[in-house]
Every structure is written in C-alpha cells, then in structure tokens.
Amino acid sequence: MTVSFDVSTGADLQEVDNAVNQAIREITNRFDFKHVVAEINFDRAAHRITVHTSDDFKVEAIWQVLQQRFRSRGIPLNNVKRGEVEKAAGGTVRQVIDIIQSIDADTARKIVKFLKDGKYKKVQSSIQGDEVRVSGSSRDELQAVIADLRGEDWGMELKFGNYR
C-alpha cells in the first residue's frame, strides 16, 4: 500500500482582499493620512498589492496596518514578499508586495533534494507543476517527513494536502 501527500503553498486570495479592504478603511480614517496620497491596490490576477503614498514613513505605516490585517485573517506572512520602495510621479513613492501562490521550481528542487539527502529510505518525491508529491509505504514515515519539512525555512509557508 502506498500513501502520499502533496506539498504546496499559497494564501487565500479572498482573505487577502478582505485584509486589504480593512486596511484601506483604517488608513482613510487615520489622522496621519489626512490630505496625503495613500493608495493600496490589490491585483488579484497578478497576486500583487501596490502601495502608493507620499514618503517612506507612510509606506512603513501602511505595511504595519497590512501586517496586522494579514495576521488576523490567517494569511501567512512568509508568503508575502515586499519589493523595493521606488520613486513615483510627483515626489511620491511606490512599493509592490507580491503574494506567493505556488512553489517555484528552485524551491521544489530543494525540497526533493532535502528528502533524498534525508534519512528516508522508502520515500519518493516528484515535482508536479507547482507542487511536490511525496509518497511512501508508511504513514509514520510520511508524518516524519511533514515534521522535518515544517522544521526547515523554505521562504514560504508550506501546506500539506491530499493525504491518502
């Protein structure tokens, strides 16, 4: 009997949308953002949030609000990657924040290599698109694999699904 599970990653985009909307509401009511450019745009298709405001301090303030909203909505902060603060038109600044929705090829190869180099004799792993399928003969061994994968820093929050 072979048992398997899939390793994937991602954030619930509806929760991201809700968090962004809450952050926008909070920022529009804050005194320090009165009469100041402060825009947050969420591009759901590109998995990207764009923050546009007057200066670096406001970018940090908006980031703090977004972080609070992400935490309260269960969005893994490991899957949120902030870009560089760039100059924008009219003396304003812009920052792009990417939401990681899939395991990139490099990370998938690192996961497969980690499992091959590990102490697992009866575990096979294969890359399937933006997921890694891990299979083996023992549920106990797969539980140990999950525990070891959780113990490493992959730069993103890993999800374990389709456990059969």
N, C-alpha and C. Protein backbone atom coordinates (compact mmCIF):
# COMPACT_ATOMS: atom_id res chain seq x y z
N MET A 1 0.84 -1.19 0.00
CA MET A 1 0.00 0.00 0.00
C MET A 1 0.89 1.25 0.00
N THR A 2 0.60 2.15 -0.91
CA THR A 2 1.35 3.39 -0.99
C THR A 2 0.47 4.54 -0.51
N VAL A 3 1.04 5.36 0.36
CA VAL A 3 0.34 6.57 0.81
C VAL A 3 1.13 7.77 0.31
N SER A 4 0.42 8.90 0.12
CA SER A 4 1.10 10.07 -0.41
C SER A 4 0.42 11.34 0.07
N PHE A 5 1.12 12.44 -0.12
CA PHE A 5 0.55 13.77 0.13
C PHE A 5 1.23 14.76 -0.80
N ASP A 6 0.60 15.92 -0.96
CA ASP A 6 1.15 16.98 -1.81
C ASP A 6 1.64 18.12 -0.93
N VAL A 7 2.79 18.67 -1.29
CA VAL A 7 3.32 19.86 -0.62
C VAL A 7 3.05 21.04 -1.56
N SER A 8 2.35 22.04 -1.06
CA SER A 8 2.04 23.22 -1.86
C SER A 8 2.14 24.45 -0.97
N THR A 9 1.80 25.59 -1.52
CA THR A 9 1.79 26.82 -0.75
C THR A 9 0.73 27.74 -1.33
N GLY A 10 0.48 28.84 -0.65
CA GLY A 10 -0.48 29.82 -1.15
C GLY A 10 -1.24 30.48 -0.02
N ALA A 11 -1.89 31.56 -0.38
CA ALA A 11 -2.72 32.29 0.57
C ALA A 11 -4.12 32.38 -0.02
N ASP A 12 -5.11 32.42 0.84
CA ASP A 12 -6.49 32.57 0.39
C ASP A 12 -6.67 33.99 -0.14
N LEU A 13 -6.88 34.11 -1.46
CA LEU A 13 -6.94 35.45 -2.08
C LEU A 13 -8.15 36.25 -1.61
N GLN A 14 -9.23 35.57 -1.24
CA GLN A 14 -10.39 36.30 -0.71
C GLN A 14 -10.04 36.93 0.63
N GLU A 15 -9.27 36.22 1.45
CA GLU A 15 -8.84 36.78 2.74
C GLU A 15 -7.86 37.94 2.53
N VAL A 16 -6.99 37.83 1.53
CA VAL A 16 -6.08 38.94 1.20
C VAL A 16 -6.90 40.16 0.80
N ASP A 17 -7.90 39.94 -0.05
CA ASP A 17 -8.78 41.03 -0.48
C ASP A 17 -9.48 41.68 0.72
N ASN A 18 -9.98 40.85 1.63
CA ASN A 18 -10.65 41.38 2.83
C ASN A 18 -9.67 42.17 3.69
N ALA A 19 -8.45 41.66 3.85
CA ALA A 19 -7.44 42.34 4.66
C ALA A 19 -7.08 43.70 4.06
N VAL A 20 -6.93 43.74 2.73
CA VAL A 20 -6.61 45.00 2.05
C VAL A 20 -7.76 45.99 2.22
N ASN A 21 -8.99 45.53 2.08
CA ASN A 21 -10.13 46.44 2.25
C ASN A 21 -10.21 46.98 3.68
N GLN A 22 -9.93 46.15 4.67
CA GLN A 22 -9.92 46.62 6.05
C GLN A 22 -8.81 47.64 6.27
N ALA A 23 -7.65 47.39 5.69
CA ALA A 23 -6.52 48.32 5.83
C ALA A 23 -6.85 49.66 5.18
N ILE A 24 -7.49 49.63 4.02
CA ILE A 24 -7.88 50.88 3.35
C ILE A 24 -8.84 51.67 4.23
N ARG A 25 -9.82 50.97 4.81
CA ARG A 25 -10.78 51.66 5.69
C ARG A 25 -10.07 52.28 6.89
N GLU A 26 -9.14 51.55 7.48
CA GLU A 26 -8.42 52.07 8.65
C GLU A 26 -7.58 53.29 8.27
N ILE A 27 -6.88 53.21 7.16
CA ILE A 27 -5.98 54.29 6.75
C ILE A 27 -6.76 55.56 6.39
N THR A 28 -7.92 55.42 5.75
CA THR A 28 -8.70 56.61 5.40
C THR A 28 -9.22 57.33 6.63
N ASN A 29 -9.34 56.62 7.74
CA ASN A 29 -9.84 57.24 8.97
C ASN A 29 -8.74 57.74 9.89
N ARG A 30 -7.47 57.45 9.57
CA ARG A 30 -6.38 57.85 10.46
C ARG A 30 -6.00 59.29 10.22
N PHE A 31 -5.68 59.98 11.32
CA PHE A 31 -5.34 61.39 11.26
C PHE A 31 -4.05 61.64 10.49
N ASP A 32 -3.05 60.77 10.66
CA ASP A 32 -1.76 60.99 9.99
C ASP A 32 -1.83 60.78 8.47
N PHE A 33 -2.97 60.30 7.95
CA PHE A 33 -3.11 60.13 6.50
C PHE A 33 -4.10 61.13 5.89
N LYS A 34 -4.53 62.13 6.68
CA LYS A 34 -5.43 63.14 6.14
C LYS A 34 -4.68 64.02 5.15
N HIS A 35 -5.30 64.29 4.00
CA HIS A 35 -4.75 65.15 2.95
C HIS A 35 -3.41 64.64 2.43
N VAL A 36 -3.22 63.31 2.40
CA VAL A 36 -1.99 62.69 1.93
C VAL A 36 -2.37 61.59 0.95
N VAL A 37 -1.57 61.42 -0.08
CA VAL A 37 -1.78 60.31 -1.01
C VAL A 37 -1.50 59.01 -0.26
N ALA A 38 -2.48 58.13 -0.23
CA ALA A 38 -2.31 56.82 0.42
C ALA A 38 -3.22 55.83 -0.29
N GLU A 39 -2.66 55.10 -1.23
CA GLU A 39 -3.45 54.15 -2.02
C GLU A 39 -2.91 52.74 -1.84
N ILE A 40 -3.83 51.78 -1.74
CA ILE A 40 -3.47 50.37 -1.72
C ILE A 40 -4.33 49.71 -2.79
N ASN A 41 -3.68 49.10 -3.77
CA ASN A 41 -4.39 48.41 -4.84
C ASN A 41 -4.01 46.94 -4.85
N PHE A 42 -5.02 46.08 -4.90
CA PHE A 42 -4.78 44.64 -4.94
C PHE A 42 -5.16 44.12 -6.31
N ASP A 43 -4.17 43.59 -7.04
CA ASP A 43 -4.40 42.96 -8.33
C ASP A 43 -4.50 41.46 -8.10
N ARG A 44 -5.71 40.97 -8.06
CA ARG A 44 -5.95 39.57 -7.71
C ARG A 44 -5.35 38.61 -8.74
N ALA A 45 -5.42 38.96 -10.02
CA ALA A 45 -4.91 38.09 -11.08
C ALA A 45 -3.39 37.95 -11.01
N ALA A 46 -2.69 39.03 -10.66
CA ALA A 46 -1.23 39.01 -10.60
C ALA A 46 -0.71 38.66 -9.21
N HIS A 47 -1.62 38.50 -8.23
CA HIS A 47 -1.25 38.22 -6.83
C HIS A 47 -0.30 39.31 -6.33
N ARG A 48 -0.68 40.55 -6.50
CA ARG A 48 0.22 41.66 -6.18
C ARG A 48 -0.57 42.82 -5.55
N ILE A 49 0.04 43.38 -4.50
CA ILE A 49 -0.52 44.57 -3.85
C ILE A 49 0.44 45.72 -4.15
N THR A 50 -0.10 46.87 -4.54
CA THR A 50 0.72 48.04 -4.79
C THR A 50 0.34 49.12 -3.78
N VAL A 51 1.35 49.61 -3.05
CA VAL A 51 1.16 50.69 -2.08
C VAL A 51 1.76 51.95 -2.69
N HIS A 52 0.96 53.02 -2.74
CA HIS A 52 1.42 54.29 -3.30
C HIS A 52 1.11 55.38 -2.28
N THR A 53 2.14 56.10 -1.84
CA THR A 53 1.94 57.12 -0.82
C THR A 53 3.02 58.19 -0.92
N SER A 54 3.01 59.12 0.03
CA SER A 54 3.85 60.31 -0.08
C SER A 54 5.32 60.09 0.26
N ASP A 55 5.63 59.21 1.24
CA ASP A 55 7.04 59.02 1.62
C ASP A 55 7.27 57.65 2.25
N ASP A 56 8.52 57.34 2.55
CA ASP A 56 8.90 56.03 3.10
C ASP A 56 8.24 55.75 4.44
N PHE A 57 8.07 56.80 5.26
CA PHE A 57 7.46 56.60 6.57
C PHE A 57 6.01 56.15 6.43
N LYS A 58 5.30 56.70 5.47
CA LYS A 58 3.91 56.31 5.22
C LYS A 58 3.83 54.88 4.68
N VAL A 59 4.81 54.48 3.84
CA VAL A 59 4.86 53.11 3.35
C VAL A 59 4.98 52.15 4.53
N GLU A 60 5.87 52.47 5.47
CA GLU A 60 6.05 51.62 6.66
C GLU A 60 4.78 51.57 7.50
N ALA A 61 4.11 52.71 7.65
CA ALA A 61 2.87 52.75 8.44
C ALA A 61 1.79 51.89 7.78
N ILE A 62 1.69 51.98 6.45
CA ILE A 62 0.72 51.16 5.72
C ILE A 62 1.08 49.68 5.85
N TRP A 63 2.37 49.37 5.77
CA TRP A 63 2.82 47.98 5.91
C TRP A 63 2.44 47.42 7.27
N GLN A 64 2.60 48.25 8.33
CA GLN A 64 2.24 47.80 9.68
C GLN A 64 0.75 47.46 9.75
N VAL A 65 -0.08 48.29 9.14
CA VAL A 65 -1.53 48.05 9.14
C VAL A 65 -1.83 46.77 8.36
N LEU A 66 -1.21 46.62 7.19
CA LEU A 66 -1.44 45.42 6.38
C LEU A 66 -1.01 44.15 7.13
N GLN A 67 0.15 44.22 7.79
CA GLN A 67 0.63 43.07 8.56
C GLN A 67 -0.39 42.65 9.62
N GLN A 68 -0.92 43.63 10.34
CA GLN A 68 -1.92 43.32 11.38
C GLN A 68 -3.13 42.63 10.76
N ARG A 69 -3.59 43.16 9.64
CA ARG A 69 -4.77 42.58 8.97
C ARG A 69 -4.48 41.18 8.45
N PHE A 70 -3.27 40.97 7.89
CA PHE A 70 -2.90 39.64 7.39
C PHE A 70 -2.89 38.62 8.54
N ARG A 71 -2.28 39.03 9.66
CA ARG A 71 -2.22 38.11 10.81
C ARG A 71 -3.61 37.74 11.30
N SER A 72 -4.48 38.75 11.43
CA SER A 72 -5.81 38.49 11.97
C SER A 72 -6.65 37.65 11.01
N ARG A 73 -6.31 37.64 9.73
CA ARG A 73 -7.07 36.87 8.74
C ARG A 73 -6.40 35.55 8.39
N GLY A 74 -5.29 35.22 9.06
CA GLY A 74 -4.66 33.92 8.85
C GLY A 74 -3.86 33.82 7.56
N ILE A 75 -3.41 34.94 7.04
CA ILE A 75 -2.58 34.93 5.83
C ILE A 75 -1.13 34.78 6.27
N PRO A 76 -0.43 33.75 5.78
CA PRO A 76 0.96 33.54 6.21
C PRO A 76 1.88 34.66 5.72
N LEU A 77 2.56 35.32 6.65
CA LEU A 77 3.45 36.43 6.28
C LEU A 77 4.67 35.94 5.52
N ASN A 78 5.00 34.64 5.62
CA ASN A 78 6.10 34.09 4.83
C ASN A 78 5.79 34.13 3.34
N ASN A 79 4.51 34.17 2.98
CA ASN A 79 4.11 34.18 1.58
C ASN A 79 3.93 35.61 1.04
N VAL A 80 4.31 36.60 1.83
CA VAL A 80 4.19 38.00 1.42
C VAL A 80 5.60 38.56 1.27
N LYS A 81 5.96 38.94 0.04
CA LYS A 81 7.31 39.45 -0.23
C LYS A 81 7.23 40.91 -0.65
N ARG A 82 7.88 41.76 0.14
CA ARG A 82 7.90 43.20 -0.15
C ARG A 82 9.01 43.50 -1.14
N GLY A 83 8.69 44.33 -2.13
CA GLY A 83 9.68 44.78 -3.09
C GLY A 83 10.36 46.05 -2.57
N GLU A 84 11.24 46.60 -3.39
CA GLU A 84 11.93 47.84 -3.05
C GLU A 84 10.96 49.01 -3.13
N VAL A 85 11.21 50.02 -2.31
CA VAL A 85 10.44 51.27 -2.39
C VAL A 85 11.01 52.07 -3.56
N GLU A 86 10.15 52.40 -4.53
CA GLU A 86 10.58 53.10 -5.74
C GLU A 86 10.01 54.51 -5.76
N LYS A 87 10.71 55.39 -6.44
CA LYS A 87 10.20 56.75 -6.64
C LYS A 87 9.06 56.68 -7.66
N ALA A 88 8.03 57.49 -7.43
CA ALA A 88 6.90 57.55 -8.34
C ALA A 88 6.68 59.02 -8.73
N ALA A 89 5.68 59.27 -9.52
CA ALA A 89 5.41 60.62 -10.02
C ALA A 89 5.05 61.57 -8.89
N GLY A 90 5.40 62.83 -9.04
CA GLY A 90 5.01 63.87 -8.09
C GLY A 90 5.67 63.76 -6.73
N GLY A 91 6.87 63.20 -6.66
CA GLY A 91 7.57 63.11 -5.40
C GLY A 91 7.02 62.06 -4.45
N THR A 92 6.20 61.16 -4.96
CA THR A 92 5.63 60.10 -4.12
C THR A 92 6.47 58.83 -4.28
N VAL A 93 6.13 57.81 -3.49
CA VAL A 93 6.84 56.53 -3.57
C VAL A 93 5.83 55.40 -3.75
N ARG A 94 6.35 54.29 -4.25
CA ARG A 94 5.51 53.12 -4.52
C ARG A 94 6.26 51.87 -4.08
N GLN A 95 5.51 50.91 -3.57
CA GLN A 95 6.09 49.61 -3.21
C GLN A 95 5.16 48.51 -3.69
N VAL A 96 5.76 47.49 -4.29
CA VAL A 96 5.00 46.34 -4.76
C VAL A 96 5.20 45.20 -3.77
N ILE A 97 4.09 44.58 -3.37
CA ILE A 97 4.12 43.46 -2.44
C ILE A 97 3.53 42.25 -3.17
N ASP A 98 4.34 41.22 -3.34
CA ASP A 98 3.89 40.02 -4.05
C ASP A 98 3.37 38.98 -3.06
N ILE A 99 2.31 38.29 -3.46
CA ILE A 99 1.74 37.20 -2.67
C ILE A 99 2.16 35.90 -3.36
N ILE A 100 2.93 35.07 -2.67
CA ILE A 100 3.41 33.82 -3.25
C ILE A 100 2.27 32.80 -3.22
N GLN A 101 1.92 32.30 -4.40
CA GLN A 101 0.81 31.36 -4.52
C GLN A 101 1.23 29.97 -4.94
N SER A 102 2.49 29.80 -5.33
CA SER A 102 2.93 28.47 -5.76
C SER A 102 4.41 28.28 -5.43
N ILE A 103 4.81 27.03 -5.35
CA ILE A 103 6.20 26.71 -5.08
C ILE A 103 6.97 26.88 -6.39
N ASP A 104 8.00 27.74 -6.38
CA ASP A 104 8.80 27.93 -7.59
C ASP A 104 9.68 26.70 -7.83
N ALA A 105 10.23 26.59 -9.04
CA ALA A 105 10.99 25.40 -9.44
C ALA A 105 12.22 25.19 -8.55
N ASP A 106 12.93 26.27 -8.19
CA ASP A 106 14.13 26.14 -7.35
C ASP A 106 13.78 25.56 -5.98
N THR A 107 12.74 26.09 -5.37
CA THR A 107 12.34 25.60 -4.04
C THR A 107 11.86 24.16 -4.13
N ALA A 108 11.13 23.82 -5.19
CA ALA A 108 10.67 22.44 -5.36
C ALA A 108 11.87 21.49 -5.48
N ARG A 109 12.89 21.90 -6.24
CA ARG A 109 14.09 21.05 -6.35
C ARG A 109 14.79 20.93 -4.99
N LYS A 110 14.82 22.03 -4.22
CA LYS A 110 15.45 21.97 -2.89
C LYS A 110 14.70 21.00 -1.97
N ILE A 111 13.36 20.99 -2.06
CA ILE A 111 12.57 20.09 -1.23
C ILE A 111 12.86 18.63 -1.62
N VAL A 112 12.89 18.36 -2.93
CA VAL A 112 13.18 17.00 -3.40
C VAL A 112 14.58 16.58 -2.96
N LYS A 113 15.56 17.47 -3.10
CA LYS A 113 16.94 17.17 -2.69
C LYS A 113 17.00 16.93 -1.18
N PHE A 114 16.29 17.77 -0.40
CA PHE A 114 16.25 17.61 1.05
C PHE A 114 15.74 16.22 1.43
N LEU A 115 14.71 15.76 0.74
CA LEU A 115 14.15 14.44 1.05
C LEU A 115 15.07 13.31 0.61
N LYS A 116 15.75 13.50 -0.53
CA LYS A 116 16.69 12.47 -1.00
C LYS A 116 17.91 12.39 -0.09
N ASP A 117 18.40 13.54 0.40
CA ASP A 117 19.56 13.56 1.28
C ASP A 117 19.21 13.14 2.70
N GLY A 118 17.92 13.13 3.01
CA GLY A 118 17.48 12.82 4.36
C GLY A 118 17.60 11.33 4.68
N LYS A 119 17.04 10.99 5.81
CA LYS A 119 17.17 9.62 6.30
C LYS A 119 16.00 8.74 5.87
N TYR A 120 15.29 9.15 4.82
CA TYR A 120 14.09 8.42 4.41
C TYR A 120 14.43 7.44 3.30
N LYS A 121 14.34 6.17 3.61
CA LYS A 121 14.72 5.13 2.65
C LYS A 121 13.57 4.80 1.70
N LYS A 122 12.35 4.84 2.22
CA LYS A 122 11.20 4.38 1.44
C LYS A 122 10.30 5.53 0.98
N VAL A 123 10.86 6.72 0.83
CA VAL A 123 10.06 7.87 0.43
C VAL A 123 10.52 8.36 -0.93
N GLN A 124 9.56 8.54 -1.85
CA GLN A 124 9.86 9.11 -3.16
C GLN A 124 9.18 10.47 -3.25
N SER A 125 9.81 11.38 -3.98
CA SER A 125 9.21 12.69 -4.18
C SER A 125 9.37 13.08 -5.64
N SER A 126 8.37 13.79 -6.15
CA SER A 126 8.42 14.23 -7.54
C SER A 126 7.75 15.59 -7.65
N ILE A 127 8.26 16.40 -8.57
CA ILE A 127 7.71 17.73 -8.80
C ILE A 127 6.57 17.59 -9.79
N GLN A 128 5.41 18.13 -9.43
CA GLN A 128 4.24 18.09 -10.31
C GLN A 128 3.69 19.51 -10.44
N GLY A 129 4.19 20.22 -11.43
CA GLY A 129 3.77 21.60 -11.64
C GLY A 129 4.30 22.48 -10.52
N ASP A 130 3.40 23.07 -9.76
CA ASP A 130 3.81 23.95 -8.65
C ASP A 130 3.63 23.27 -7.30
N GLU A 131 3.60 21.94 -7.30
CA GLU A 131 3.51 21.15 -6.07
C GLU A 131 4.57 20.07 -6.08
N VAL A 132 4.82 19.49 -4.92
CA VAL A 132 5.72 18.35 -4.80
C VAL A 132 4.90 17.20 -4.21
N ARG A 133 4.86 16.07 -4.93
CA ARG A 133 4.15 14.89 -4.43
C ARG A 133 5.15 14.01 -3.71
N VAL A 134 4.82 13.64 -2.48
CA VAL A 134 5.68 12.78 -1.66
C VAL A 134 4.89 11.50 -1.39
N SER A 135 5.51 10.35 -1.69
CA SER A 135 4.82 9.09 -1.45
C SER A 135 5.77 8.11 -0.76
N GLY A 136 5.17 7.18 -0.05
CA GLY A 136 5.95 6.18 0.67
C GLY A 136 5.06 5.05 1.10
N SER A 137 5.65 4.05 1.75
CA SER A 137 4.88 2.88 2.14
C SER A 137 4.33 2.98 3.56
N SER A 138 4.86 3.93 4.34
CA SER A 138 4.48 4.01 5.75
C SER A 138 3.93 5.40 6.10
N ARG A 139 2.77 5.41 6.72
CA ARG A 139 2.19 6.69 7.17
C ARG A 139 3.08 7.36 8.21
N ASP A 140 3.69 6.55 9.07
CA ASP A 140 4.57 7.10 10.11
C ASP A 140 5.75 7.82 9.50
N GLU A 141 6.32 7.24 8.44
CA GLU A 141 7.46 7.88 7.80
C GLU A 141 7.04 9.19 7.13
N LEU A 142 5.84 9.21 6.53
CA LEU A 142 5.36 10.44 5.91
C LEU A 142 5.07 11.51 6.96
N GLN A 143 4.60 11.11 8.12
CA GLN A 143 4.39 12.06 9.22
C GLN A 143 5.73 12.68 9.64
N ALA A 144 6.78 11.87 9.66
CA ALA A 144 8.12 12.37 10.00
C ALA A 144 8.62 13.33 8.92
N VAL A 145 8.31 13.03 7.65
CA VAL A 145 8.69 13.92 6.54
C VAL A 145 8.02 15.28 6.72
N ILE A 146 6.72 15.26 7.03
CA ILE A 146 5.99 16.51 7.23
C ILE A 146 6.61 17.30 8.38
N ALA A 147 6.92 16.64 9.46
CA ALA A 147 7.53 17.32 10.62
C ALA A 147 8.87 17.94 10.24
N ASP A 148 9.70 17.19 9.48
CA ASP A 148 11.00 17.72 9.09
C ASP A 148 10.87 18.88 8.10
N LEU A 149 9.92 18.80 7.17
CA LEU A 149 9.71 19.90 6.22
C LEU A 149 9.24 21.15 6.95
N ARG A 150 8.38 20.97 7.96
CA ARG A 150 7.92 22.13 8.75
C ARG A 150 9.06 22.76 9.54
N GLY A 151 10.05 21.96 9.91
CA GLY A 151 11.17 22.45 10.70
C GLY A 151 12.17 23.28 9.91
N GLU A 152 12.11 23.22 8.59
CA GLU A 152 13.04 23.98 7.74
C GLU A 152 12.42 25.31 7.32
N ASP A 153 13.30 26.26 6.93
CA ASP A 153 12.83 27.55 6.42
C ASP A 153 12.91 27.52 4.90
N TRP A 154 11.76 27.49 4.24
CA TRP A 154 11.71 27.42 2.78
C TRP A 154 11.40 28.78 2.17
N GLY A 155 11.25 29.82 2.98
CA GLY A 155 10.93 31.15 2.47
C GLY A 155 9.45 31.31 2.17
N MET A 156 8.66 30.32 2.52
CA MET A 156 7.21 30.37 2.32
C MET A 156 6.56 29.37 3.26
N GLU A 157 5.30 29.56 3.48
CA GLU A 157 4.52 28.66 4.32
C GLU A 157 4.12 27.44 3.49
N LEU A 158 4.49 26.25 3.92
CA LEU A 158 4.14 25.03 3.18
C LEU A 158 2.80 24.49 3.67
N LYS A 159 2.01 23.97 2.72
CA LYS A 159 0.73 23.33 3.04
C LYS A 159 0.85 21.87 2.62
N PHE A 160 0.24 21.00 3.41
CA PHE A 160 0.27 19.58 3.13
C PHE A 160 -1.15 19.11 2.91
N GLY A 161 -1.43 18.65 1.70
CA GLY A 161 -2.81 18.25 1.36
C GLY A 161 -2.85 16.94 0.62
N ASN A 162 -4.06 16.50 0.29
CA ASN A 162 -4.32 15.26 -0.44
C ASN A 162 -3.61 14.09 0.22
N TYR A 163 -3.69 14.03 1.54
CA TYR A 163 -3.05 12.95 2.29
C TYR A 163 -3.89 11.69 2.11
N ARG A 164 -3.34 10.71 1.36
CA ARG A 164 -4.09 9.47 1.12
C ARG A 164 -3.21 8.29 1.33
